[in-house]
Amino acid sequence: DFAGKYSLKIEFRPFIEIQGVSYKDFR
């Protein structure tokens, strides 16, 4: 909404990601 209203460039980029711990490491 405000990107269009004010003629802004907005980029979305996740800076973190989730990785599951292996069952071996959990044990």
mmCIF file of all heavy atoms, coordinates in Angstrom:
data_MODEL
# 
_entry.id   MODEL 
# 
loop_
_atom_site.group_PDB 
_atom_site.id 
_atom_site.type_symbol 
_atom_site.label_atom_id 
_atom_site.label_alt_id 
_atom_site.label_comp_id 
_atom_site.label_asym_id 
_atom_site.label_entity_id 
_atom_site.label_seq_id 
_atom_site.pdbx_PDB_ins_code 
_atom_site.Cartn_x 
_atom_site.Cartn_y 
_atom_site.Cartn_z 
_atom_site.occupancy 
_atom_site.B_iso_or_equiv 
_atom_site.pdbx_formal_charge 
_atom_site.auth_seq_id 
_atom_site.auth_comp_id 
_atom_site.auth_asym_id 
_atom_site.auth_atom_id 
_atom_site.pdbx_PDB_model_num 
ATOM 1   N N   . ASP A 1 1  ? 0.828  -1.205  0.000  1.00 0.00 ? 1  ASP A N   1 
ATOM 2   C CA  . ASP A 1 1  ? 0.000  0.000   0.000  1.00 0.00 ? 1  ASP A CA  1 
ATOM 3   C C   . ASP A 1 1  ? 0.858  1.249   0.000  1.00 0.00 ? 1  ASP A C   1 
ATOM 4   O O   . ASP A 1 1  ? 0.722  2.118   -0.873 1.00 0.00 ? 1  ASP A O   1 
ATOM 5   C CB  . ASP A 1 1  ? -0.934 -0.018  1.208  1.00 0.00 ? 1  ASP A CB  1 
ATOM 6   C CG  . ASP A 1 1  ? -1.847 1.203   1.229  1.00 0.00 ? 1  ASP A CG  1 
ATOM 7   O OD1 . ASP A 1 1  ? -2.411 1.533   0.171  1.00 0.00 ? 1  ASP A OD1 1 
ATOM 8   O OD2 . ASP A 1 1  ? -1.994 1.825   2.300  1.00 0.00 ? 1  ASP A OD2 1 
ATOM 9   N N   . PHE A 1 2  ? 1.808  1.337   0.959  1.00 0.00 ? 2  PHE A N   1 
ATOM 10  C CA  . PHE A 1 2  ? 2.583  2.585   1.007  1.00 0.00 ? 2  PHE A CA  1 
ATOM 11  C C   . PHE A 1 2  ? 3.689  2.614   -0.049 1.00 0.00 ? 2  PHE A C   1 
ATOM 12  O O   . PHE A 1 2  ? 4.159  3.684   -0.431 1.00 0.00 ? 2  PHE A O   1 
ATOM 13  C CB  . PHE A 1 2  ? 3.089  2.907   2.416  1.00 0.00 ? 2  PHE A CB  1 
ATOM 14  C CG  . PHE A 1 2  ? 4.242  2.097   2.939  1.00 0.00 ? 2  PHE A CG  1 
ATOM 15  C CD1 . PHE A 1 2  ? 5.517  2.238   2.433  1.00 0.00 ? 2  PHE A CD1 1 
ATOM 16  C CD2 . PHE A 1 2  ? 4.061  1.218   4.000  1.00 0.00 ? 2  PHE A CD2 1 
ATOM 17  C CE1 . PHE A 1 2  ? 6.578  1.523   2.941  1.00 0.00 ? 2  PHE A CE1 1 
ATOM 18  C CE2 . PHE A 1 2  ? 5.111  0.490   4.518  1.00 0.00 ? 2  PHE A CE2 1 
ATOM 19  C CZ  . PHE A 1 2  ? 6.378  0.644   3.978  1.00 0.00 ? 2  PHE A CZ  1 
ATOM 20  N N   . ALA A 1 3  ? 4.105  1.459   -0.553 1.00 0.00 ? 3  ALA A N   1 
ATOM 21  C CA  . ALA A 1 3  ? 5.084  1.453   -1.648 1.00 0.00 ? 3  ALA A CA  1 
ATOM 22  C C   . ALA A 1 3  ? 4.491  2.111   -2.885 1.00 0.00 ? 3  ALA A C   1 
ATOM 23  O O   . ALA A 1 3  ? 5.143  2.928   -3.547 1.00 0.00 ? 3  ALA A O   1 
ATOM 24  C CB  . ALA A 1 3  ? 5.513  0.022   -1.968 1.00 0.00 ? 3  ALA A CB  1 
ATOM 25  N N   . GLY A 1 4  ? 3.216  1.783   -3.181 1.00 0.00 ? 4  GLY A N   1 
ATOM 26  C CA  . GLY A 1 4  ? 2.555  2.408   -4.319 1.00 0.00 ? 4  GLY A CA  1 
ATOM 27  C C   . GLY A 1 4  ? 2.236  3.865   -4.067 1.00 0.00 ? 4  GLY A C   1 
ATOM 28  O O   . GLY A 1 4  ? 2.384  4.709   -4.952 1.00 0.00 ? 4  GLY A O   1 
ATOM 29  N N   . LYS A 1 5  ? 1.836  4.153   -2.837 1.00 0.00 ? 5  LYS A N   1 
ATOM 30  C CA  . LYS A 1 5  ? 1.435  5.514   -2.485 1.00 0.00 ? 5  LYS A CA  1 
ATOM 31  C C   . LYS A 1 5  ? 2.598  6.500   -2.608 1.00 0.00 ? 5  LYS A C   1 
ATOM 32  O O   . LYS A 1 5  ? 2.428  7.639   -3.060 1.00 0.00 ? 5  LYS A O   1 
ATOM 33  C CB  . LYS A 1 5  ? 0.896  5.530   -1.052 1.00 0.00 ? 5  LYS A CB  1 
ATOM 34  C CG  . LYS A 1 5  ? 0.269  6.842   -0.631 1.00 0.00 ? 5  LYS A CG  1 
ATOM 35  C CD  . LYS A 1 5  ? -0.095 6.834   0.853  1.00 0.00 ? 5  LYS A CD  1 
ATOM 36  C CE  . LYS A 1 5  ? -1.067 5.739   1.204  1.00 0.00 ? 5  LYS A CE  1 
ATOM 37  N NZ  . LYS A 1 5  ? -1.455 5.779   2.648  1.00 0.00 ? 5  LYS A NZ  1 
ATOM 38  N N   . TYR A 1 6  ? 3.805  6.055   -2.216 1.00 0.00 ? 6  TYR A N   1 
ATOM 39  C CA  . TYR A 1 6  ? 4.957  6.963   -2.204 1.00 0.00 ? 6  TYR A CA  1 
ATOM 40  C C   . TYR A 1 6  ? 5.992  6.630   -3.271 1.00 0.00 ? 6  TYR A C   1 
ATOM 41  O O   . TYR A 1 6  ? 7.115  7.136   -3.233 1.00 0.00 ? 6  TYR A O   1 
ATOM 42  C CB  . TYR A 1 6  ? 5.611  6.935   -0.816 1.00 0.00 ? 6  TYR A CB  1 
ATOM 43  C CG  . TYR A 1 6  ? 4.640  7.209   0.305  1.00 0.00 ? 6  TYR A CG  1 
ATOM 44  C CD1 . TYR A 1 6  ? 4.448  6.279   1.331  1.00 0.00 ? 6  TYR A CD1 1 
ATOM 45  C CD2 . TYR A 1 6  ? 3.886  8.379   0.338  1.00 0.00 ? 6  TYR A CD2 1 
ATOM 46  C CE1 . TYR A 1 6  ? 3.551  6.514   2.360  1.00 0.00 ? 6  TYR A CE1 1 
ATOM 47  C CE2 . TYR A 1 6  ? 2.982  8.621   1.361  1.00 0.00 ? 6  TYR A CE2 1 
ATOM 48  C CZ  . TYR A 1 6  ? 2.814  7.681   2.364  1.00 0.00 ? 6  TYR A CZ  1 
ATOM 49  O OH  . TYR A 1 6  ? 1.916  7.914   3.377  1.00 0.00 ? 6  TYR A OH  1 
ATOM 50  N N   . SER A 1 7  ? 5.641  5.742   -4.211 1.00 0.00 ? 7  SER A N   1 
ATOM 51  C CA  . SER A 1 7  ? 6.541  5.370   -5.328 1.00 0.00 ? 7  SER A CA  1 
ATOM 52  C C   . SER A 1 7  ? 7.885  4.851   -4.808 1.00 0.00 ? 7  SER A C   1 
ATOM 53  O O   . SER A 1 7  ? 8.959  5.322   -5.206 1.00 0.00 ? 7  SER A O   1 
ATOM 54  C CB  . SER A 1 7  ? 6.759  6.560   -6.263 1.00 0.00 ? 7  SER A CB  1 
ATOM 55  O OG  . SER A 1 7  ? 5.532  6.992   -6.806 1.00 0.00 ? 7  SER A OG  1 
ATOM 56  N N   . LEU A 1 8  ? 7.819  3.874   -3.904 1.00 0.00 ? 8  LEU A N   1 
ATOM 57  C CA  . LEU A 1 8  ? 9.018  3.305   -3.300 1.00 0.00 ? 8  LEU A CA  1 
ATOM 58  C C   . LEU A 1 8  ? 9.327  1.932   -3.880 1.00 0.00 ? 8  LEU A C   1 
ATOM 59  O O   . LEU A 1 8  ? 8.427  1.185   -4.272 1.00 0.00 ? 8  LEU A O   1 
ATOM 60  C CB  . LEU A 1 8  ? 8.830  3.146   -1.790 1.00 0.00 ? 8  LEU A CB  1 
ATOM 61  C CG  . LEU A 1 8  ? 8.558  4.403   -0.970 1.00 0.00 ? 8  LEU A CG  1 
ATOM 62  C CD1 . LEU A 1 8  ? 8.201  4.010   0.451  1.00 0.00 ? 8  LEU A CD1 1 
ATOM 63  C CD2 . LEU A 1 8  ? 9.756  5.323   -0.980 1.00 0.00 ? 8  LEU A CD2 1 
ATOM 64  N N   . LYS A 1 9  ? 10.589 1.605   -3.905 1.00 0.00 ? 9  LYS A N   1 
ATOM 65  C CA  . LYS A 1 9  ? 11.024 0.240   -4.232 1.00 0.00 ? 9  LYS A CA  1 
ATOM 66  C C   . LYS A 1 9  ? 11.177 -0.521  -2.913 1.00 0.00 ? 9  LYS A C   1 
ATOM 67  O O   . LYS A 1 9  ? 11.938 -0.102  -2.039 1.00 0.00 ? 9  LYS A O   1 
ATOM 68  C CB  . LYS A 1 9  ? 12.352 0.265   -4.977 1.00 0.00 ? 9  LYS A CB  1 
ATOM 69  C CG  . LYS A 1 9  ? 12.986 -1.116  -5.140 1.00 0.00 ? 9  LYS A CG  1 
ATOM 70  C CD  . LYS A 1 9  ? 14.430 -1.005  -5.586 1.00 0.00 ? 9  LYS A CD  1 
ATOM 71  C CE  . LYS A 1 9  ? 15.120 -2.365  -5.552 1.00 0.00 ? 9  LYS A CE  1 
ATOM 72  N NZ  . LYS A 1 9  ? 16.574 -2.260  -5.846 1.00 0.00 ? 9  LYS A NZ  1 
ATOM 73  N N   . ILE A 1 10 ? 10.440 -1.631  -2.771 1.00 0.00 ? 10 ILE A N   1 
ATOM 74  C CA  . ILE A 1 10 ? 10.584 -2.473  -1.584 1.00 0.00 ? 10 ILE A CA  1 
ATOM 75  C C   . ILE A 1 10 ? 10.960 -3.877  -2.028 1.00 0.00 ? 10 ILE A C   1 
ATOM 76  O O   . ILE A 1 10 ? 10.286 -4.478  -2.863 1.00 0.00 ? 10 ILE A O   1 
ATOM 77  C CB  . ILE A 1 10 ? 9.285  -2.530  -0.752 1.00 0.00 ? 10 ILE A CB  1 
ATOM 78  C CG1 . ILE A 1 10 ? 8.911  -1.140  -0.240 1.00 0.00 ? 10 ILE A CG1 1 
ATOM 79  C CG2 . ILE A 1 10 ? 9.447  -3.491  0.420  1.00 0.00 ? 10 ILE A CG2 1 
ATOM 80  C CD1 . ILE A 1 10 ? 7.715  -1.117  0.693  1.00 0.00 ? 10 ILE A CD1 1 
ATOM 81  N N   . GLU A 1 11 ? 12.044 -4.380  -1.470 1.00 0.00 ? 11 GLU A N   1 
ATOM 82  C CA  . GLU A 1 11 ? 12.472 -5.752  -1.758 1.00 0.00 ? 11 GLU A CA  1 
ATOM 83  C C   . GLU A 1 11 ? 12.385 -6.580  -0.477 1.00 0.00 ? 11 GLU A C   1 
ATOM 84  O O   . GLU A 1 11 ? 12.786 -6.106  0.598  1.00 0.00 ? 11 GLU A O   1 
ATOM 85  C CB  . GLU A 1 11 ? 13.897 -5.781  -2.306 1.00 0.00 ? 11 GLU A CB  1 
ATOM 86  C CG  . GLU A 1 11 ? 14.348 -7.186  -2.695 1.00 0.00 ? 11 GLU A CG  1 
ATOM 87  C CD  . GLU A 1 11 ? 15.623 -7.199  -3.514 1.00 0.00 ? 11 GLU A CD  1 
ATOM 88  O OE1 . GLU A 1 11 ? 15.918 -6.188  -4.190 1.00 0.00 ? 11 GLU A OE1 1 
ATOM 89  O OE2 . GLU A 1 11 ? 16.331 -8.226  -3.487 1.00 0.00 ? 11 GLU A OE2 1 
ATOM 90  N N   . PHE A 1 12 ? 11.879 -7.794  -0.602 1.00 0.00 ? 12 PHE A N   1 
ATOM 91  C CA  . PHE A 1 12 ? 11.777 -8.711  0.526  1.00 0.00 ? 12 PHE A CA  1 
ATOM 92  C C   . PHE A 1 12 ? 12.813 -9.816  0.354  1.00 0.00 ? 12 PHE A C   1 
ATOM 93  O O   . PHE A 1 12 ? 12.854 -10.465 -0.696 1.00 0.00 ? 12 PHE A O   1 
ATOM 94  C CB  . PHE A 1 12 ? 10.376 -9.315  0.608  1.00 0.00 ? 12 PHE A CB  1 
ATOM 95  C CG  . PHE A 1 12 ? 9.283  -8.296  0.811  1.00 0.00 ? 12 PHE A CG  1 
ATOM 96  C CD1 . PHE A 1 12 ? 8.654  -7.706  -0.279 1.00 0.00 ? 12 PHE A CD1 1 
ATOM 97  C CD2 . PHE A 1 12 ? 8.908  -7.910  2.091  1.00 0.00 ? 12 PHE A CD2 1 
ATOM 98  C CE1 . PHE A 1 12 ? 7.656  -6.756  -0.097 1.00 0.00 ? 12 PHE A CE1 1 
ATOM 99  C CE2 . PHE A 1 12 ? 7.911  -6.960  2.288  1.00 0.00 ? 12 PHE A CE2 1 
ATOM 100 C CZ  . PHE A 1 12 ? 7.290  -6.389  1.184  1.00 0.00 ? 12 PHE A CZ  1 
ATOM 101 N N   . ARG A 1 13 ? 13.618 -10.027 1.381  1.00 0.00 ? 13 ARG A N   1 
ATOM 102 C CA  . ARG A 1 13 ? 14.642 -11.071 1.314  1.00 0.00 ? 13 ARG A CA  1 
ATOM 103 C C   . ARG A 1 13 ? 14.854 -11.641 2.722  1.00 0.00 ? 13 ARG A C   1 
ATOM 104 O O   . ARG A 1 13 ? 15.353 -10.930 3.613  1.00 0.00 ? 13 ARG A O   1 
ATOM 105 C CB  . ARG A 1 13 ? 15.957 -10.482 0.789  1.00 0.00 ? 13 ARG A CB  1 
ATOM 106 C CG  . ARG A 1 13 ? 17.076 -11.478 0.574  1.00 0.00 ? 13 ARG A CG  1 
ATOM 107 C CD  . ARG A 1 13 ? 16.841 -12.337 -0.663 1.00 0.00 ? 13 ARG A CD  1 
ATOM 108 N NE  . ARG A 1 13 ? 17.994 -13.196 -0.891 1.00 0.00 ? 13 ARG A NE  1 
ATOM 109 C CZ  . ARG A 1 13 ? 18.986 -12.917 -1.736 1.00 0.00 ? 13 ARG A CZ  1 
ATOM 110 N NH1 . ARG A 1 13 ? 18.938 -11.784 -2.453 1.00 0.00 ? 13 ARG A NH1 1 
ATOM 111 N NH2 . ARG A 1 13 ? 19.997 -13.735 -1.898 1.00 0.00 ? 13 ARG A NH2 1 
ATOM 112 N N   . PRO A 1 14 ? 14.464 -12.889 2.964  1.00 0.00 ? 14 PRO A N   1 
ATOM 113 C CA  . PRO A 1 14 ? 14.679 -13.473 4.298  1.00 0.00 ? 14 PRO A CA  1 
ATOM 114 C C   . PRO A 1 14 ? 16.172 -13.534 4.623  1.00 0.00 ? 14 PRO A C   1 
ATOM 115 O O   . PRO A 1 14 ? 16.961 -14.066 3.835  1.00 0.00 ? 14 PRO A O   1 
ATOM 116 C CB  . PRO A 1 14 ? 14.078 -14.882 4.176  1.00 0.00 ? 14 PRO A CB  1 
ATOM 117 C CG  . PRO A 1 14 ? 13.182 -14.830 2.988  1.00 0.00 ? 14 PRO A CG  1 
ATOM 118 C CD  . PRO A 1 14 ? 13.787 -13.827 2.046  1.00 0.00 ? 14 PRO A CD  1 
ATOM 119 N N   . PHE A 1 15 ? 16.546 -13.005 5.768  1.00 0.00 ? 15 PHE A N   1 
ATOM 120 C CA  . PHE A 1 15 ? 17.947 -13.003 6.175  1.00 0.00 ? 15 PHE A CA  1 
ATOM 121 C C   . PHE A 1 15 ? 18.305 -14.248 6.990  1.00 0.00 ? 15 PHE A C   1 
ATOM 122 O O   . PHE A 1 15 ? 19.482 -14.494 7.239  1.00 0.00 ? 15 PHE A O   1 
ATOM 123 C CB  . PHE A 1 15 ? 18.262 -11.742 6.987  1.00 0.00 ? 15 PHE A CB  1 
ATOM 124 C CG  . PHE A 1 15 ? 18.784 -10.595 6.153  1.00 0.00 ? 15 PHE A CG  1 
ATOM 125 C CD1 . PHE A 1 15 ? 18.236 -10.316 4.907  1.00 0.00 ? 15 PHE A CD1 1 
ATOM 126 C CD2 . PHE A 1 15 ? 19.812 -9.793  6.621  1.00 0.00 ? 15 PHE A CD2 1 
ATOM 127 C CE1 . PHE A 1 15 ? 18.704 -9.267  4.139  1.00 0.00 ? 15 PHE A CE1 1 
ATOM 128 C CE2 . PHE A 1 15 ? 20.296 -8.741  5.863  1.00 0.00 ? 15 PHE A CE2 1 
ATOM 129 C CZ  . PHE A 1 15 ? 19.745 -8.473  4.618  1.00 0.00 ? 15 PHE A CZ  1 
ATOM 130 N N   . ILE A 1 16 ? 17.298 -14.981 7.446  1.00 0.00 ? 16 ILE A N   1 
ATOM 131 C CA  . ILE A 1 16 ? 17.564 -16.194 8.221  1.00 0.00 ? 16 ILE A CA  1 
ATOM 132 C C   . ILE A 1 16 ? 16.694 -17.331 7.693  1.00 0.00 ? 16 ILE A C   1 
ATOM 133 O O   . ILE A 1 16 ? 15.686 -17.100 7.026  1.00 0.00 ? 16 ILE A O   1 
ATOM 134 C CB  . ILE A 1 16 ? 17.279 -15.995 9.728  1.00 0.00 ? 16 ILE A CB  1 
ATOM 135 C CG1 . ILE A 1 16 ? 15.818 -15.573 9.950  1.00 0.00 ? 16 ILE A CG1 1 
ATOM 136 C CG2 . ILE A 1 16 ? 18.247 -14.989 10.335 1.00 0.00 ? 16 ILE A CG2 1 
ATOM 137 C CD1 . ILE A 1 16 ? 15.422 -15.466 11.407 1.00 0.00 ? 16 ILE A CD1 1 
ATOM 138 N N   . GLU A 1 17 ? 17.122 -18.561 7.961  1.00 0.00 ? 17 GLU A N   1 
ATOM 139 C CA  . GLU A 1 17 ? 16.329 -19.724 7.595  1.00 0.00 ? 17 GLU A CA  1 
ATOM 140 C C   . GLU A 1 17 ? 16.399 -20.750 8.712  1.00 0.00 ? 17 GLU A C   1 
ATOM 141 O O   . GLU A 1 17 ? 17.314 -20.715 9.551  1.00 0.00 ? 17 GLU A O   1 
ATOM 142 C CB  . GLU A 1 17 ? 16.794 -20.324 6.272  1.00 0.00 ? 17 GLU A CB  1 
ATOM 143 C CG  . GLU A 1 17 ? 18.241 -20.761 6.248  1.00 0.00 ? 17 GLU A CG  1 
ATOM 144 C CD  . GLU A 1 17 ? 18.657 -21.262 4.869  1.00 0.00 ? 17 GLU A CD  1 
ATOM 145 O OE1 . GLU A 1 17 ? 18.416 -20.557 3.873  1.00 0.00 ? 17 GLU A OE1 1 
ATOM 146 O OE2 . GLU A 1 17 ? 19.234 -22.360 4.808  1.00 0.00 ? 17 GLU A OE2 1 
ATOM 147 N N   . ILE A 1 18 ? 15.410 -21.613 8.728  1.00 0.00 ? 18 ILE A N   1 
ATOM 148 C CA  . ILE A 1 18 ? 15.308 -22.630 9.768  1.00 0.00 ? 18 ILE A CA  1 
ATOM 149 C C   . ILE A 1 18 ? 15.764 -23.979 9.211  1.00 0.00 ? 18 ILE A C   1 
ATOM 150 O O   . ILE A 1 18 ? 15.308 -24.393 8.140  1.00 0.00 ? 18 ILE A O   1 
ATOM 151 C CB  . ILE A 1 18 ? 13.866 -22.745 10.294 1.00 0.00 ? 18 ILE A CB  1 
ATOM 152 C CG1 . ILE A 1 18 ? 13.384 -21.402 10.856 1.00 0.00 ? 18 ILE A CG1 1 
ATOM 153 C CG2 . ILE A 1 18 ? 13.756 -23.846 11.344 1.00 0.00 ? 18 ILE A CG2 1 
ATOM 154 C CD1 . ILE A 1 18 ? 14.173 -20.895 12.033 1.00 0.00 ? 18 ILE A CD1 1 
ATOM 155 N N   . GLN A 1 19 ? 16.650 -24.644 9.922  1.00 0.00 ? 19 GLN A N   1 
ATOM 156 C CA  . GLN A 1 19 ? 17.100 -25.982 9.548  1.00 0.00 ? 19 GLN A CA  1 
ATOM 157 C C   . GLN A 1 19 ? 16.846 -26.934 10.705 1.00 0.00 ? 19 GLN A C   1 
ATOM 158 O O   . GLN A 1 19 ? 17.176 -26.637 11.852 1.00 0.00 ? 19 GLN A O   1 
ATOM 159 C CB  . GLN A 1 19 ? 18.588 -25.979 9.196  1.00 0.00 ? 19 GLN A CB  1 
ATOM 160 C CG  . GLN A 1 19 ? 18.935 -25.181 7.949  1.00 0.00 ? 19 GLN A CG  1 
ATOM 161 C CD  . GLN A 1 19 ? 20.420 -25.208 7.643  1.00 0.00 ? 19 GLN A CD  1 
ATOM 162 O OE1 . GLN A 1 19 ? 21.230 -25.711 8.423  1.00 0.00 ? 19 GLN A OE1 1 
ATOM 163 N NE2 . GLN A 1 19 ? 20.790 -24.667 6.488  1.00 0.00 ? 19 GLN A NE2 1 
ATOM 164 N N   . GLY A 1 20 ? 16.241 -28.061 10.404 1.00 0.00 ? 20 GLY A N   1 
ATOM 165 C CA  . GLY A 1 20 ? 15.959 -29.039 11.439 1.00 0.00 ? 20 GLY A CA  1 
ATOM 166 C C   . GLY A 1 20 ? 17.212 -29.742 11.915 1.00 0.00 ? 20 GLY A C   1 
ATOM 167 O O   . GLY A 1 20 ? 18.116 -30.044 11.130 1.00 0.00 ? 20 GLY A O   1 
ATOM 168 N N   . VAL A 1 21 ? 17.291 -29.979 13.222 1.00 0.00 ? 21 VAL A N   1 
ATOM 169 C CA  . VAL A 1 21 ? 18.379 -30.781 13.793 1.00 0.00 ? 21 VAL A CA  1 
ATOM 170 C C   . VAL A 1 21 ? 18.127 -32.238 13.415 1.00 0.00 ? 21 VAL A C   1 
ATOM 171 O O   . VAL A 1 21 ? 17.004 -32.728 13.499 1.00 0.00 ? 21 VAL A O   1 
ATOM 172 C CB  . VAL A 1 21 ? 18.419 -30.611 15.330 1.00 0.00 ? 21 VAL A CB  1 
ATOM 173 C CG1 . VAL A 1 21 ? 19.347 -31.626 15.971 1.00 0.00 ? 21 VAL A CG1 1 
ATOM 174 C CG2 . VAL A 1 21 ? 18.837 -29.190 15.687 1.00 0.00 ? 21 VAL A CG2 1 
ATOM 175 N N   . SER A 1 22 ? 19.150 -32.943 12.980 1.00 0.00 ? 22 SER A N   1 
ATOM 176 C CA  . SER A 1 22 ? 18.978 -34.345 12.606 1.00 0.00 ? 22 SER A CA  1 
ATOM 177 C C   . SER A 1 22 ? 18.631 -35.184 13.835 1.00 0.00 ? 22 SER A C   1 
ATOM 178 O O   . SER A 1 22 ? 18.967 -34.814 14.973 1.00 0.00 ? 22 SER A O   1 
ATOM 179 C CB  . SER A 1 22 ? 20.246 -34.897 11.958 1.00 0.00 ? 22 SER A CB  1 
ATOM 180 O OG  . SER A 1 22 ? 21.291 -35.005 12.921 1.00 0.00 ? 22 SER A OG  1 
ATOM 181 N N   . TYR A 1 23 ? 17.973 -36.290 13.601 1.00 0.00 ? 23 TYR A N   1 
ATOM 182 C CA  . TYR A 1 23 ? 17.627 -37.178 14.714 1.00 0.00 ? 23 TYR A CA  1 
ATOM 183 C C   . TYR A 1 23 ? 18.888 -37.676 15.414 1.00 0.00 ? 23 TYR A C   1 
ATOM 184 O O   . TYR A 1 23 ? 18.923 -37.801 16.646 1.00 0.00 ? 23 TYR A O   1 
ATOM 185 C CB  . TYR A 1 23 ? 16.788 -38.351 14.209 1.00 0.00 ? 23 TYR A CB  1 
ATOM 186 C CG  . TYR A 1 23 ? 16.419 -39.342 15.281 1.00 0.00 ? 23 TYR A CG  1 
ATOM 187 C CD1 . TYR A 1 23 ? 15.757 -38.922 16.442 1.00 0.00 ? 23 TYR A CD1 1 
ATOM 188 C CD2 . TYR A 1 23 ? 16.732 -40.690 15.160 1.00 0.00 ? 23 TYR A CD2 1 
ATOM 189 C CE1 . TYR A 1 23 ? 15.422 -39.826 17.445 1.00 0.00 ? 23 TYR A CE1 1 
ATOM 190 C CE2 . TYR A 1 23 ? 16.399 -41.600 16.149 1.00 0.00 ? 23 TYR A CE2 1 
ATOM 191 C CZ  . TYR A 1 23 ? 15.744 -41.165 17.286 1.00 0.00 ? 23 TYR A CZ  1 
ATOM 192 O OH  . TYR A 1 23 ? 15.415 -42.057 18.280 1.00 0.00 ? 23 TYR A OH  1 
ATOM 193 N N   . LYS A 1 24 ? 19.929 -37.908 14.632 1.00 0.00 ? 24 LYS A N   1 
ATOM 194 C CA  . LYS A 1 24 ? 21.205 -38.354 15.205 1.00 0.00 ? 24 LYS A CA  1 
ATOM 195 C C   . LYS A 1 24 ? 21.745 -37.318 16.195 1.00 0.00 ? 24 LYS A C   1 
ATOM 196 O O   . LYS A 1 24 ? 22.177 -37.660 17.305 1.00 0.00 ? 24 LYS A O   1 
ATOM 197 C CB  . LYS A 1 24 ? 22.216 -38.607 14.091 1.00 0.00 ? 24 LYS A CB  1 
ATOM 198 C CG  . LYS A 1 24 ? 23.588 -39.055 14.576 1.00 0.00 ? 24 LYS A CG  1 
ATOM 199 C CD  . LYS A 1 24 ? 24.542 -39.258 13.400 1.00 0.00 ? 24 LYS A CD  1 
ATOM 200 C CE  . LYS A 1 24 ? 25.928 -39.655 13.883 1.00 0.00 ? 24 LYS A CE  1 
ATOM 201 N NZ  . LYS A 1 24 ? 26.869 -39.831 12.744 1.00 0.00 ? 24 LYS A NZ  1 
ATOM 202 N N   . ASP A 1 25 ? 21.708 -36.037 15.792 1.00 0.00 ? 25 ASP A N   1 
ATOM 203 C CA  . ASP A 1 25 ? 22.206 -34.984 16.683 1.00 0.00 ? 25 ASP A CA  1 
ATOM 204 C C   . ASP A 1 25 ? 21.270 -34.763 17.862 1.00 0.00 ? 25 ASP A C   1 
ATOM 205 O O   . ASP A 1 25 ? 21.715 -34.434 18.970 1.00 0.00 ? 25 ASP A O   1 
ATOM 206 C CB  . ASP A 1 25 ? 22.392 -33.679 15.913 1.00 0.00 ? 25 ASP A CB  1 
ATOM 207 C CG  . ASP A 1 25 ? 23.606 -33.718 14.994 1.00 0.00 ? 25 ASP A CG  1 
ATOM 208 O OD1 . ASP A 1 25 ? 24.499 -34.552 15.240 1.00 0.00 ? 25 ASP A OD1 1 
ATOM 209 O OD2 . ASP A 1 25 ? 23.655 -32.925 14.032 1.00 0.00 ? 25 ASP A OD2 1 
ATOM 210 N N   . PHE A 1 26 ? 19.963 -34.935 17.620 1.00 0.00 ? 26 PHE A N   1 
ATOM 211 C CA  . PHE A 1 26 ? 19.025 -34.804 18.733 1.00 0.00 ? 26 PHE A CA  1 
ATOM 212 C C   . PHE A 1 26 ? 19.317 -35.866 19.803 1.00 0.00 ? 26 PHE A C   1 
ATOM 213 O O   . PHE A 1 26 ? 19.269 -35.573 21.005 1.00 0.00 ? 26 PHE A O   1 
ATOM 214 C CB  . PHE A 1 26 ? 17.583 -34.952 18.238 1.00 0.00 ? 26 PHE A CB  1 
ATOM 215 C CG  . PHE A 1 26 ? 16.586 -35.088 19.359 1.00 0.00 ? 26 PHE A CG  1 
ATOM 216 C CD1 . PHE A 1 26 ? 16.255 -34.002 20.157 1.00 0.00 ? 26 PHE A CD1 1 
ATOM 217 C CD2 . PHE A 1 26 ? 16.007 -36.322 19.650 1.00 0.00 ? 26 PHE A CD2 1 
ATOM 218 C CE1 . PHE A 1 26 ? 15.359 -34.139 21.221 1.00 0.00 ? 26 PHE A CE1 1 
ATOM 219 C CE2 . PHE A 1 26 ? 15.115 -36.461 20.693 1.00 0.00 ? 26 PHE A CE2 1 
ATOM 220 C CZ  . PHE A 1 26 ? 14.786 -35.371 21.483 1.00 0.00 ? 26 PHE A CZ  1 
ATOM 221 N N   . ARG A 1 27 ? 19.607 -37.059 19.399 1.00 0.00 ? 27 ARG A N   1 
ATOM 222 C CA  . ARG A 1 27 ? 19.875 -38.146 20.349 1.00 0.00 ? 27 ARG A CA  1 
ATOM 223 C C   . ARG A 1 27 ? 21.078 -37.836 21.239 1.00 0.00 ? 27 ARG A C   1 
ATOM 224 O O   . ARG A 1 27 ? 21.139 -38.282 22.387 1.00 0.00 ? 27 ARG A O   1 
ATOM 225 C CB  . ARG A 1 27 ? 20.103 -39.461 19.608 1.00 0.00 ? 27 ARG A CB  1 
ATOM 226 C CG  . ARG A 1 27 ? 18.838 -40.041 18.985 1.00 0.00 ? 27 ARG A CG  1 
ATOM 227 C CD  . ARG A 1 27 ? 19.113 -41.363 18.317 1.00 0.00 ? 27 ARG A CD  1 
ATOM 228 N NE  . ARG A 1 27 ? 19.577 -42.362 19.277 1.00 0.00 ? 27 ARG A NE  1 
ATOM 229 C CZ  . ARG A 1 27 ? 20.006 -43.571 18.930 1.00 0.00 ? 27 ARG A CZ  1 
ATOM 230 N NH1 . ARG A 1 27 ? 20.075 -43.912 17.648 1.00 0.00 ? 27 ARG A NH1 1 
ATOM 231 N NH2 . ARG A 1 27 ? 20.400 -44.429 19.853 1.00 0.00 ? 27 ARG A NH2 1 
# 
